[in-house]
């Protein structure tokens, strides 16, 4: 779902899990810009 968008626009990201999905406790999103540390964006408890 990533891509190029102009300021003010919208995007919808998806993350599909496979394997032992029955064991999921939490899923989250982080982001990292060049030269920056990975930062927290959002999370949801299962």
ModelCIF file with pLDDT and N, C-alpha, C, O atoms, coordinates in Angstrom:
data_MODEL
#
_entry.id   MODEL 
#
_entity.id                         1 
_entity.type                       polymer 
_entity.pdbx_number_of_molecules   1 
#
_entity_poly.entity_id                      1 
_entity_poly.type                           'polypeptide(L)' 
_entity_poly.nstd_linkage                   no 
_entity_poly.nstd_monomer                   no 
_entity_poly.pdbx_seq_one_letter_code       
;(UNK)(UNK)(UNK)(UNK)(UNK)(UNK)(UNK)(UNK)(UNK)(UNK)(UNK)(UNK)(UNK)(UNK)(UNK)(UNK)
(UNK)(UNK)(UNK)(UNK)(UNK)(UNK)(UNK)(UNK)(UNK)(UNK)(UNK)(UNK)(UNK)(UNK)(UNK)(UNK)
(UNK)(UNK)(UNK)(UNK)(UNK)(UNK)(UNK)(UNK)(UNK)(UNK)(UNK)(UNK)(UNK)(UNK)
;
_entity_poly.pdbx_seq_one_letter_code_can   XXXXXXXXXXXXXXXXXXXXXXXXXXXXXXXXXXXXXXXXXXXXXX 
_entity_poly.pdbx_strand_id                 A 
#
loop_
_entity_poly_seq.entity_id 
_entity_poly_seq.num 
_entity_poly_seq.mon_id 
_entity_poly_seq.hetero 
1 1  UNK n 
1 2  UNK n 
1 3  UNK n 
1 4  UNK n 
1 5  UNK n 
1 6  UNK n 
1 7  UNK n 
1 8  UNK n 
1 9  UNK n 
1 10 UNK n 
1 11 UNK n 
1 12 UNK n 
1 13 UNK n 
1 14 UNK n 
1 15 UNK n 
1 16 UNK n 
1 17 UNK n 
1 18 UNK n 
1 19 UNK n 
1 20 UNK n 
1 21 UNK n 
1 22 UNK n 
1 23 UNK n 
1 24 UNK n 
1 25 UNK n 
1 26 UNK n 
1 27 UNK n 
1 28 UNK n 
1 29 UNK n 
1 30 UNK n 
1 31 UNK n 
1 32 UNK n 
1 33 UNK n 
1 34 UNK n 
1 35 UNK n 
1 36 UNK n 
1 37 UNK n 
1 38 UNK n 
1 39 UNK n 
1 40 UNK n 
1 41 UNK n 
1 42 UNK n 
1 43 UNK n 
1 44 UNK n 
1 45 UNK n 
1 46 UNK n 
#
_struct_asym.id          A 
_struct_asym.entity_id   1 
#
loop_
_ma_qa_metric.id 
_ma_qa_metric.mode 
_ma_qa_metric.name 
_ma_qa_metric.software_group_id 
_ma_qa_metric.type 
1 global pLDDT . pLDDT 
2 local  pLDDT . pLDDT 
#
_ma_qa_metric_global.metric_id      1 
_ma_qa_metric_global.metric_value   96.61 
_ma_qa_metric_global.model_id       1 
_ma_qa_metric_global.ordinal_id     1 
#
loop_
_ma_qa_metric_local.label_asym_id 
_ma_qa_metric_local.label_comp_id 
_ma_qa_metric_local.label_seq_id 
_ma_qa_metric_local.metric_id 
_ma_qa_metric_local.metric_value 
_ma_qa_metric_local.model_id 
_ma_qa_metric_local.ordinal_id 
A UNK 1  2 97.00 1 1  
A UNK 2  2 98.00 1 2  
A UNK 3  2 98.00 1 3  
A UNK 4  2 98.00 1 4  
A UNK 5  2 98.00 1 5  
A UNK 6  2 98.00 1 6  
A UNK 7  2 98.00 1 7  
A UNK 8  2 98.00 1 8  
A UNK 9  2 98.00 1 9  
A UNK 10 2 98.00 1 10 
A UNK 11 2 98.00 1 11 
A UNK 12 2 98.00 1 12 
A UNK 13 2 98.00 1 13 
A UNK 14 2 98.00 1 14 
A UNK 15 2 98.00 1 15 
A UNK 16 2 97.00 1 16 
A UNK 17 2 97.00 1 17 
A UNK 18 2 96.00 1 18 
A UNK 19 2 94.00 1 19 
A UNK 20 2 92.00 1 20 
A UNK 21 2 91.00 1 21 
A UNK 22 2 90.00 1 22 
A UNK 23 2 93.00 1 23 
A UNK 24 2 94.00 1 24 
A UNK 25 2 95.00 1 25 
A UNK 26 2 96.00 1 26 
A UNK 27 2 97.00 1 27 
A UNK 28 2 97.00 1 28 
A UNK 29 2 98.00 1 29 
A UNK 30 2 98.00 1 30 
A UNK 31 2 98.00 1 31 
A UNK 32 2 98.00 1 32 
A UNK 33 2 97.00 1 33 
A UNK 34 2 94.00 1 34 
A UNK 35 2 96.00 1 35 
A UNK 36 2 97.00 1 36 
A UNK 37 2 97.00 1 37 
A UNK 38 2 97.00 1 38 
A UNK 39 2 97.00 1 39 
A UNK 40 2 98.00 1 40 
A UNK 41 2 98.00 1 41 
A UNK 42 2 98.00 1 42 
A UNK 43 2 98.00 1 43 
A UNK 44 2 97.00 1 44 
A UNK 45 2 96.00 1 45 
A UNK 46 2 94.00 1 46 
#
loop_
_atom_site.group_PDB 
_atom_site.id 
_atom_site.type_symbol 
_atom_site.label_atom_id 
_atom_site.label_alt_id 
_atom_site.label_comp_id 
_atom_site.label_asym_id 
_atom_site.label_entity_id 
_atom_site.label_seq_id 
_atom_site.pdbx_PDB_ins_code 
_atom_site.Cartn_x 
_atom_site.Cartn_y 
_atom_site.Cartn_z 
_atom_site.occupancy 
_atom_site.B_iso_or_equiv 
_atom_site.pdbx_formal_charge 
_atom_site.auth_seq_id 
_atom_site.auth_comp_id 
_atom_site.auth_asym_id 
_atom_site.auth_atom_id 
_atom_site.pdbx_PDB_model_num 
ATOM 1   N N  . UNK A 1 1  ? 0.773  -1.226  0.000  1.00 97.00 ? 1  UNK A N  1 
ATOM 2   C CA . UNK A 1 1  ? 0.000  0.000   0.000  1.00 97.00 ? 1  UNK A CA 1 
ATOM 3   C C  . UNK A 1 1  ? 0.807  1.278   0.000  1.00 97.00 ? 1  UNK A C  1 
ATOM 4   O O  . UNK A 1 1  ? 0.238  2.365   -0.104 1.00 97.00 ? 1  UNK A O  1 
ATOM 5   N N  . UNK A 1 2  ? 2.115  1.174   0.114  1.00 98.00 ? 2  UNK A N  1 
ATOM 6   C CA . UNK A 1 2  ? 2.939  2.367   0.090  1.00 98.00 ? 2  UNK A CA 1 
ATOM 7   C C  . UNK A 1 2  ? 2.989  2.985   -1.292 1.00 98.00 ? 2  UNK A C  1 
ATOM 8   O O  . UNK A 1 2  ? 2.562  2.378   -2.275 1.00 98.00 ? 2  UNK A O  1 
ATOM 9   N N  . UNK A 1 3  ? 3.510  4.188   -1.356 1.00 98.00 ? 3  UNK A N  1 
ATOM 10  C CA . UNK A 1 3  ? 3.613  4.873   -2.629 1.00 98.00 ? 3  UNK A CA 1 
ATOM 11  C C  . UNK A 1 3  ? 3.918  6.336   -2.463 1.00 98.00 ? 3  UNK A C  1 
ATOM 12  O O  . UNK A 1 3  ? 4.308  6.792   -1.388 1.00 98.00 ? 3  UNK A O  1 
ATOM 13  N N  . UNK A 1 4  ? 3.735  7.069   -3.545 1.00 98.00 ? 4  UNK A N  1 
ATOM 14  C CA . UNK A 1 4  ? 3.986  8.502   -3.588 1.00 98.00 ? 4  UNK A CA 1 
ATOM 15  C C  . UNK A 1 4  ? 2.667  9.248   -3.564 1.00 98.00 ? 4  UNK A C  1 
ATOM 16  O O  . UNK A 1 4  ? 1.757  8.945   -4.336 1.00 98.00 ? 4  UNK A O  1 
ATOM 17  N N  . UNK A 1 5  ? 2.566  10.216  -2.683 1.00 98.00 ? 5  UNK A N  1 
ATOM 18  C CA . UNK A 1 5  ? 1.341  10.995  -2.552 1.00 98.00 ? 5  UNK A CA 1 
ATOM 19  C C  . UNK A 1 5  ? 1.708  12.441  -2.225 1.00 98.00 ? 5  UNK A C  1 
ATOM 20  O O  . UNK A 1 5  ? 2.728  12.707  -1.589 1.00 98.00 ? 5  UNK A O  1 
ATOM 21  N N  . UNK A 1 6  ? 0.875  13.353  -2.662 1.00 98.00 ? 6  UNK A N  1 
ATOM 22  C CA . UNK A 1 6  ? 1.097  14.757  -2.348 1.00 98.00 ? 6  UNK A CA 1 
ATOM 23  C C  . UNK A 1 6  ? 0.648  15.084  -0.933 1.00 98.00 ? 6  UNK A C  1 
ATOM 24  O O  . UNK A 1 6  ? -0.219 14.414  -0.372 1.00 98.00 ? 6  UNK A O  1 
ATOM 25  N N  . UNK A 1 7  ? 1.240  16.104  -0.373 1.00 98.00 ? 7  UNK A N  1 
ATOM 26  C CA . UNK A 1 7  ? 0.845  16.555  0.953  1.00 98.00 ? 7  UNK A CA 1 
ATOM 27  C C  . UNK A 1 7  ? -0.657 16.796  1.009  1.00 98.00 ? 7  UNK A C  1 
ATOM 28  O O  . UNK A 1 7  ? -1.241 17.383  0.099  1.00 98.00 ? 7  UNK A O  1 
ATOM 29  N N  . UNK A 1 8  ? -1.266 16.334  2.087  1.00 98.00 ? 8  UNK A N  1 
ATOM 30  C CA . UNK A 1 8  ? -2.701 16.439  2.241  1.00 98.00 ? 8  UNK A CA 1 
ATOM 31  C C  . UNK A 1 8  ? -3.460 15.225  1.762  1.00 98.00 ? 8  UNK A C  1 
ATOM 32  O O  . UNK A 1 8  ? -4.656 15.098  2.024  1.00 98.00 ? 8  UNK A O  1 
ATOM 33  N N  . UNK A 1 9  ? -2.788 14.332  1.066  1.00 98.00 ? 9  UNK A N  1 
ATOM 34  C CA . UNK A 1 9  ? -3.422 13.145  0.536  1.00 98.00 ? 9  UNK A CA 1 
ATOM 35  C C  . UNK A 1 9  ? -3.498 12.019  1.544  1.00 98.00 ? 9  UNK A C  1 
ATOM 36  O O  . UNK A 1 9  ? -3.164 12.183  2.718  1.00 98.00 ? 9  UNK A O  1 
ATOM 37  N N  . UNK A 1 10 ? -3.948 10.862  1.057  1.00 98.00 ? 10 UNK A N  1 
ATOM 38  C CA . UNK A 1 10 ? -4.169 9.708   1.919  1.00 98.00 ? 10 UNK A CA 1 
ATOM 39  C C  . UNK A 1 10 ? -3.584 8.445   1.312  1.00 98.00 ? 10 UNK A C  1 
ATOM 40  O O  . UNK A 1 10 ? -3.474 8.317   0.092  1.00 98.00 ? 10 UNK A O  1 
ATOM 41  N N  . UNK A 1 11 ? -3.213 7.522   2.173  1.00 98.00 ? 11 UNK A N  1 
ATOM 42  C CA . UNK A 1 11 ? -2.782 6.187   1.788  1.00 98.00 ? 11 UNK A CA 1 
ATOM 43  C C  . UNK A 1 11 ? -3.284 5.199   2.825  1.00 98.00 ? 11 UNK A C  1 
ATOM 44  O O  . UNK A 1 11 ? -3.479 5.546   3.990  1.00 98.00 ? 11 UNK A O  1 
ATOM 45  N N  . UNK A 1 12 ? -3.491 3.970   2.390  1.00 98.00 ? 12 UNK A N  1 
ATOM 46  C CA . UNK A 1 12 ? -3.887 2.901   3.285  1.00 98.00 ? 12 UNK A CA 1 
ATOM 47  C C  . UNK A 1 12 ? -2.882 1.767   3.173  1.00 98.00 ? 12 UNK A C  1 
ATOM 48  O O  . UNK A 1 12 ? -2.741 1.149   2.118  1.00 98.00 ? 12 UNK A O  1 
ATOM 49  N N  . UNK A 1 13 ? -2.193 1.503   4.259  1.00 98.00 ? 13 UNK A N  1 
ATOM 50  C CA . UNK A 1 13 ? -1.221 0.425   4.308  1.00 98.00 ? 13 UNK A CA 1 
ATOM 51  C C  . UNK A 1 13 ? -1.862 -0.837  4.861  1.00 98.00 ? 13 UNK A C  1 
ATOM 52  O O  . UNK A 1 13 ? -2.739 -0.779  5.722  1.00 98.00 ? 13 UNK A O  1 
ATOM 53  N N  . UNK A 1 14 ? -1.412 -1.973  4.354  1.00 98.00 ? 14 UNK A N  1 
ATOM 54  C CA . UNK A 1 14 ? -1.866 -3.260  4.842  1.00 98.00 ? 14 UNK A CA 1 
ATOM 55  C C  . UNK A 1 14 ? -0.670 -4.113  5.215  1.00 98.00 ? 14 UNK A C  1 
ATOM 56  O O  . UNK A 1 14 ? 0.400  -3.989  4.619  1.00 98.00 ? 14 UNK A O  1 
ATOM 57  N N  . UNK A 1 15 ? -0.850 -4.962  6.183  1.00 98.00 ? 15 UNK A N  1 
ATOM 58  C CA . UNK A 1 15 ? 0.171  -5.916  6.573  1.00 98.00 ? 15 UNK A CA 1 
ATOM 59  C C  . UNK A 1 15 ? -0.501 -7.250  6.816  1.00 98.00 ? 15 UNK A C  1 
ATOM 60  O O  . UNK A 1 15 ? -1.303 -7.395  7.739  1.00 98.00 ? 15 UNK A O  1 
ATOM 61  N N  . UNK A 1 16 ? -0.174 -8.217  5.990  1.00 97.00 ? 16 UNK A N  1 
ATOM 62  C CA . UNK A 1 16 ? -0.762 -9.541  6.084  1.00 97.00 ? 16 UNK A CA 1 
ATOM 63  C C  . UNK A 1 16 ? 0.200  -10.493 6.779  1.00 97.00 ? 16 UNK A C  1 
ATOM 64  O O  . UNK A 1 16 ? 1.352  -10.635 6.369  1.00 97.00 ? 16 UNK A O  1 
ATOM 65  N N  . UNK A 1 17 ? -0.273 -11.133 7.816  1.00 97.00 ? 17 UNK A N  1 
ATOM 66  C CA . UNK A 1 17 ? 0.519  -12.096 8.562  1.00 97.00 ? 17 UNK A CA 1 
ATOM 67  C C  . UNK A 1 17 ? 0.154  -13.509 8.139  1.00 97.00 ? 17 UNK A C  1 
ATOM 68  O O  . UNK A 1 17 ? -1.006 -13.804 7.851  1.00 97.00 ? 17 UNK A O  1 
ATOM 69  N N  . UNK A 1 18 ? 1.143  -14.365 8.105  1.00 96.00 ? 18 UNK A N  1 
ATOM 70  C CA . UNK A 1 18 ? 0.920  -15.768 7.817  1.00 96.00 ? 18 UNK A CA 1 
ATOM 71  C C  . UNK A 1 18 ? 1.782  -16.612 8.747  1.00 96.00 ? 18 UNK A C  1 
ATOM 72  O O  . UNK A 1 18 ? 2.701  -16.105 9.390  1.00 96.00 ? 18 UNK A O  1 
ATOM 73  N N  . UNK A 1 19 ? 1.480  -17.882 8.809  1.00 94.00 ? 19 UNK A N  1 
ATOM 74  C CA . UNK A 1 19 ? 2.176  -18.763 9.722  1.00 94.00 ? 19 UNK A CA 1 
ATOM 75  C C  . UNK A 1 19 ? 1.361  -18.951 10.986 1.00 94.00 ? 19 UNK A C  1 
ATOM 76  O O  . UNK A 1 19 ? 0.174  -19.275 10.932 1.00 94.00 ? 19 UNK A O  1 
ATOM 77  N N  . UNK A 1 20 ? 2.007  -18.745 12.125 1.00 92.00 ? 20 UNK A N  1 
ATOM 78  C CA . UNK A 1 20 ? 1.349  -18.943 13.413 1.00 92.00 ? 20 UNK A CA 1 
ATOM 79  C C  . UNK A 1 20 ? 0.545  -17.703 13.815 1.00 92.00 ? 20 UNK A C  1 
ATOM 80  O O  . UNK A 1 20 ? 0.797  -17.100 14.858 1.00 92.00 ? 20 UNK A O  1 
ATOM 81  N N  . UNK A 1 21 ? -0.418 -17.336 12.980 1.00 91.00 ? 21 UNK A N  1 
ATOM 82  C CA . UNK A 1 21 ? -1.199 -16.124 13.235 1.00 91.00 ? 21 UNK A CA 1 
ATOM 83  C C  . UNK A 1 21 ? -2.078 -16.248 14.466 1.00 91.00 ? 21 UNK A C  1 
ATOM 84  O O  . UNK A 1 21 ? -2.494 -15.240 15.036 1.00 91.00 ? 21 UNK A O  1 
ATOM 85  N N  . UNK A 1 22 ? -2.360 -17.454 14.873 1.00 90.00 ? 22 UNK A N  1 
ATOM 86  C CA . UNK A 1 22 ? -3.180 -17.664 16.064 1.00 90.00 ? 22 UNK A CA 1 
ATOM 87  C C  . UNK A 1 22 ? -2.464 -17.224 17.337 1.00 90.00 ? 22 UNK A C  1 
ATOM 88  O O  . UNK A 1 22 ? -3.088 -17.078 18.388 1.00 90.00 ? 22 UNK A O  1 
ATOM 89  N N  . UNK A 1 23 ? -1.170 -17.016 17.241 1.00 93.00 ? 23 UNK A N  1 
ATOM 90  C CA . UNK A 1 23 ? -0.374 -16.635 18.400 1.00 93.00 ? 23 UNK A CA 1 
ATOM 91  C C  . UNK A 1 23 ? -0.166 -15.125 18.531 1.00 93.00 ? 23 UNK A C  1 
ATOM 92  O O  . UNK A 1 23 ? 0.566  -14.686 19.418 1.00 93.00 ? 23 UNK A O  1 
ATOM 93  N N  . UNK A 1 24 ? -0.787 -14.331 17.677 1.00 94.00 ? 24 UNK A N  1 
ATOM 94  C CA . UNK A 1 24 ? -0.570 -12.882 17.685 1.00 94.00 ? 24 UNK A CA 1 
ATOM 95  C C  . UNK A 1 24 ? -1.137 -12.249 18.949 1.00 94.00 ? 24 UNK A C  1 
ATOM 96  O O  . UNK A 1 24 ? -2.288 -12.477 19.320 1.00 94.00 ? 24 UNK A O  1 
ATOM 97  N N  . UNK A 1 25 ? -0.312 -11.462 19.586 1.00 95.00 ? 25 UNK A N  1 
ATOM 98  C CA . UNK A 1 25 ? -0.718 -10.689 20.748 1.00 95.00 ? 25 UNK A CA 1 
ATOM 99  C C  . UNK A 1 25 ? -0.944 -9.223  20.392 1.00 95.00 ? 25 UNK A C  1 
ATOM 100 O O  . UNK A 1 25 ? -1.926 -8.616  20.822 1.00 95.00 ? 25 UNK A O  1 
ATOM 101 N N  . UNK A 1 26 ? -0.023 -8.656  19.599 1.00 96.00 ? 26 UNK A N  1 
ATOM 102 C CA . UNK A 1 26 ? -0.086 -7.258  19.209 1.00 96.00 ? 26 UNK A CA 1 
ATOM 103 C C  . UNK A 1 26 ? 0.459  -7.104  17.796 1.00 96.00 ? 26 UNK A C  1 
ATOM 104 O O  . UNK A 1 26 ? 1.408  -7.789  17.415 1.00 96.00 ? 26 UNK A O  1 
ATOM 105 N N  . UNK A 1 27 ? -0.137 -6.212  17.023 1.00 97.00 ? 27 UNK A N  1 
ATOM 106 C CA . UNK A 1 27 ? 0.433  -5.810  15.742 1.00 97.00 ? 27 UNK A CA 1 
ATOM 107 C C  . UNK A 1 27 ? 0.605  -4.302  15.750 1.00 97.00 ? 27 UNK A C  1 
ATOM 108 O O  . UNK A 1 27 ? -0.252 -3.564  16.234 1.00 97.00 ? 27 UNK A O  1 
ATOM 109 N N  . UNK A 1 28 ? 1.720  -3.864  15.207 1.00 97.00 ? 28 UNK A N  1 
ATOM 110 C CA . UNK A 1 28 ? 2.022  -2.448  15.234 1.00 97.00 ? 28 UNK A CA 1 
ATOM 111 C C  . UNK A 1 28 ? 2.684  -1.960  13.970 1.00 97.00 ? 28 UNK A C  1 
ATOM 112 O O  . UNK A 1 28 ? 3.101  -2.742  13.115 1.00 97.00 ? 28 UNK A O  1 
ATOM 113 N N  . UNK A 1 29 ? 2.769  -0.648  13.871 1.00 98.00 ? 29 UNK A N  1 
ATOM 114 C CA . UNK A 1 29 ? 3.438  0.026   12.767 1.00 98.00 ? 29 UNK A CA 1 
ATOM 115 C C  . UNK A 1 29 ? 4.524  0.932   13.312 1.00 98.00 ? 29 UNK A C  1 
ATOM 116 O O  . UNK A 1 29 ? 4.315  1.673   14.272 1.00 98.00 ? 29 UNK A O  1 
ATOM 117 N N  . UNK A 1 30 ? 5.678  0.862   12.688 1.00 98.00 ? 30 UNK A N  1 
ATOM 118 C CA . UNK A 1 30 ? 6.792  1.757   12.960 1.00 98.00 ? 30 UNK A CA 1 
ATOM 119 C C  . UNK A 1 30 ? 7.252  2.355   11.644 1.00 98.00 ? 30 UNK A C  1 
ATOM 120 O O  . UNK A 1 30 ? 6.926  1.840   10.574 1.00 98.00 ? 30 UNK A O  1 
ATOM 121 N N  . UNK A 1 31 ? 8.006  3.439   11.720 1.00 98.00 ? 31 UNK A N  1 
ATOM 122 C CA . UNK A 1 31 ? 8.546  4.033   10.506 1.00 98.00 ? 31 UNK A CA 1 
ATOM 123 C C  . UNK A 1 31 ? 9.964  4.512   10.743 1.00 98.00 ? 31 UNK A C  1 
ATOM 124 O O  . UNK A 1 31 ? 10.362 4.810   11.869 1.00 98.00 ? 31 UNK A O  1 
ATOM 125 N N  . UNK A 1 32 ? 10.714 4.579   9.659  1.00 98.00 ? 32 UNK A N  1 
ATOM 126 C CA . UNK A 1 32 ? 12.102 4.989   9.750  1.00 98.00 ? 32 UNK A CA 1 
ATOM 127 C C  . UNK A 1 32 ? 12.488 5.790   8.517  1.00 98.00 ? 32 UNK A C  1 
ATOM 128 O O  . UNK A 1 32 ? 12.410 5.298   7.391  1.00 98.00 ? 32 UNK A O  1 
ATOM 129 N N  . UNK A 1 33 ? 12.902 7.024   8.743  1.00 97.00 ? 33 UNK A N  1 
ATOM 130 C CA . UNK A 1 33 ? 13.403 7.885   7.688  1.00 97.00 ? 33 UNK A CA 1 
ATOM 131 C C  . UNK A 1 33 ? 14.921 7.748   7.620  1.00 97.00 ? 33 UNK A C  1 
ATOM 132 O O  . UNK A 1 33 ? 15.546 7.354   8.605  1.00 97.00 ? 33 UNK A O  1 
ATOM 133 N N  . UNK A 1 34 ? 15.527 8.067   6.471  1.00 94.00 ? 34 UNK A N  1 
ATOM 134 C CA . UNK A 1 34 ? 16.988 7.963   6.363  1.00 94.00 ? 34 UNK A CA 1 
ATOM 135 C C  . UNK A 1 34 ? 17.700 8.763   7.441  1.00 94.00 ? 34 UNK A C  1 
ATOM 136 O O  . UNK A 1 34 ? 17.389 9.932   7.672  1.00 94.00 ? 34 UNK A O  1 
ATOM 137 N N  . UNK A 1 35 ? 18.654 8.126   8.094  1.00 96.00 ? 35 UNK A N  1 
ATOM 138 C CA . UNK A 1 35 ? 19.416 8.785   9.129  1.00 96.00 ? 35 UNK A CA 1 
ATOM 139 C C  . UNK A 1 35 ? 18.703 8.922   10.457 1.00 96.00 ? 35 UNK A C  1 
ATOM 140 O O  . UNK A 1 35 ? 19.251 9.499   11.396 1.00 96.00 ? 35 UNK A O  1 
ATOM 141 N N  . UNK A 1 36 ? 17.493 8.401   10.551 1.00 97.00 ? 36 UNK A N  1 
ATOM 142 C CA . UNK A 1 36 ? 16.712 8.500   11.772 1.00 97.00 ? 36 UNK A CA 1 
ATOM 143 C C  . UNK A 1 36 ? 16.535 7.126   12.405 1.00 97.00 ? 36 UNK A C  1 
ATOM 144 O O  . UNK A 1 36 ? 16.666 6.097   11.741 1.00 97.00 ? 36 UNK A O  1 
ATOM 145 N N  . UNK A 1 37 ? 16.241 7.129   13.671 1.00 97.00 ? 37 UNK A N  1 
ATOM 146 C CA . UNK A 1 37 ? 15.945 5.873   14.338 1.00 97.00 ? 37 UNK A CA 1 
ATOM 147 C C  . UNK A 1 37 ? 14.512 5.462   14.049 1.00 97.00 ? 37 UNK A C  1 
ATOM 148 O O  . UNK A 1 37 ? 13.672 6.295   13.707 1.00 97.00 ? 37 UNK A O  1 
ATOM 149 N N  . UNK A 1 38 ? 14.243 4.189   14.187 1.00 97.00 ? 38 UNK A N  1 
ATOM 150 C CA . UNK A 1 38 ? 12.902 3.691   13.965 1.00 97.00 ? 38 UNK A CA 1 
ATOM 151 C C  . UNK A 1 38 ? 11.973 4.219   15.058 1.00 97.00 ? 38 UNK A C  1 
ATOM 152 O O  . UNK A 1 38 ? 12.281 4.118   16.246 1.00 97.00 ? 38 UNK A O  1 
ATOM 153 N N  . UNK A 1 39 ? 10.841 4.779   14.650 1.00 97.00 ? 39 UNK A N  1 
ATOM 154 C CA . UNK A 1 39 ? 9.929  5.363   15.614 1.00 97.00 ? 39 UNK A CA 1 
ATOM 155 C C  . UNK A 1 39 ? 8.552  4.714   15.555 1.00 97.00 ? 39 UNK A C  1 
ATOM 156 O O  . UNK A 1 39 ? 8.103  4.238   14.512 1.00 97.00 ? 39 UNK A O  1 
ATOM 157 N N  . UNK A 1 40 ? 7.918  4.715   16.681 1.00 98.00 ? 40 UNK A N  1 
ATOM 158 C CA . UNK A 1 40 ? 6.594  4.140   16.818 1.00 98.00 ? 40 UNK A CA 1 
ATOM 159 C C  . UNK A 1 40 ? 5.553  4.991   16.109 1.00 98.00 ? 40 UNK A C  1 
ATOM 160 O O  . UNK A 1 40 ? 5.615  6.220   16.151 1.00 98.00 ? 40 UNK A O  1 
ATOM 161 N N  . UNK A 1 41 ? 4.595  4.339   15.457 1.00 98.00 ? 41 UNK A N  1 
ATOM 162 C CA . UNK A 1 41 ? 3.494  5.019   14.794 1.00 98.00 ? 41 UNK A CA 1 
ATOM 163 C C  . UNK A 1 41 ? 2.166  4.672   15.460 1.00 98.00 ? 41 UNK A C  1 
ATOM 164 O O  . UNK A 1 41 ? 1.467  5.552   15.961 1.00 98.00 ? 41 UNK A O  1 
ATOM 165 N N  . UNK A 1 42 ? 1.827  3.398   15.462 1.00 98.00 ? 42 UNK A N  1 
ATOM 166 C CA . UNK A 1 42 ? 0.547  2.960   16.013 1.00 98.00 ? 42 UNK A CA 1 
ATOM 167 C C  . UNK A 1 42 ? 0.606  1.474   16.302 1.00 98.00 ? 42 UNK A C  1 
ATOM 168 O O  . UNK A 1 42 ? 1.432  0.757   15.737 1.00 98.00 ? 42 UNK A O  1 
ATOM 169 N N  . UNK A 1 43 ? -0.267 1.012   17.179 1.00 98.00 ? 43 UNK A N  1 
ATOM 170 C CA . UNK A 1 43 ? -0.345 -0.404  17.502 1.00 98.00 ? 43 UNK A CA 1 
ATOM 171 C C  . UNK A 1 43 ? -1.755 -0.751  17.934 1.00 98.00 ? 43 UNK A C  1 
ATOM 172 O O  . UNK A 1 43 ? -2.535 0.116   18.329 1.00 98.00 ? 43 UNK A O  1 
ATOM 173 N N  . UNK A 1 44 ? -2.067 -2.028  17.851 1.00 97.00 ? 44 UNK A N  1 
ATOM 174 C CA . UNK A 1 44 ? -3.371 -2.518  18.268 1.00 97.00 ? 44 UNK A CA 1 
ATOM 175 C C  . UNK A 1 44 ? -3.201 -3.869  18.930 1.00 97.00 ? 44 UNK A C  1 
ATOM 176 O O  . UNK A 1 44 ? -2.504 -4.737  18.406 1.00 97.00 ? 44 UNK A O  1 
ATOM 177 N N  . UNK A 1 45 ? -3.828 -4.051  20.066 1.00 96.00 ? 45 UNK A N  1 
ATOM 178 C CA . UNK A 1 45 ? -3.803 -5.342  20.728 1.00 96.00 ? 45 UNK A CA 1 
ATOM 179 C C  . UNK A 1 45 ? -4.828 -6.254  20.078 1.00 96.00 ? 45 UNK A C  1 
ATOM 180 O O  . UNK A 1 45 ? -5.905 -5.815  19.674 1.00 96.00 ? 45 UNK A O  1 
ATOM 181 N N  . UNK A 1 46 ? -4.479 -7.532  19.983 1.00 94.00 ? 46 UNK A N  1 
ATOM 182 C CA . UNK A 1 46 ? -5.299 -8.443  19.194 1.00 94.00 ? 46 UNK A CA 1 
ATOM 183 C C  . UNK A 1 46 ? -6.609 -8.813  19.853 1.00 94.00 ? 46 UNK A C  1 
ATOM 184 O O  . UNK A 1 46 ? -7.391 -9.576  19.287 1.00 94.00 ? 46 UNK A O  1 
#
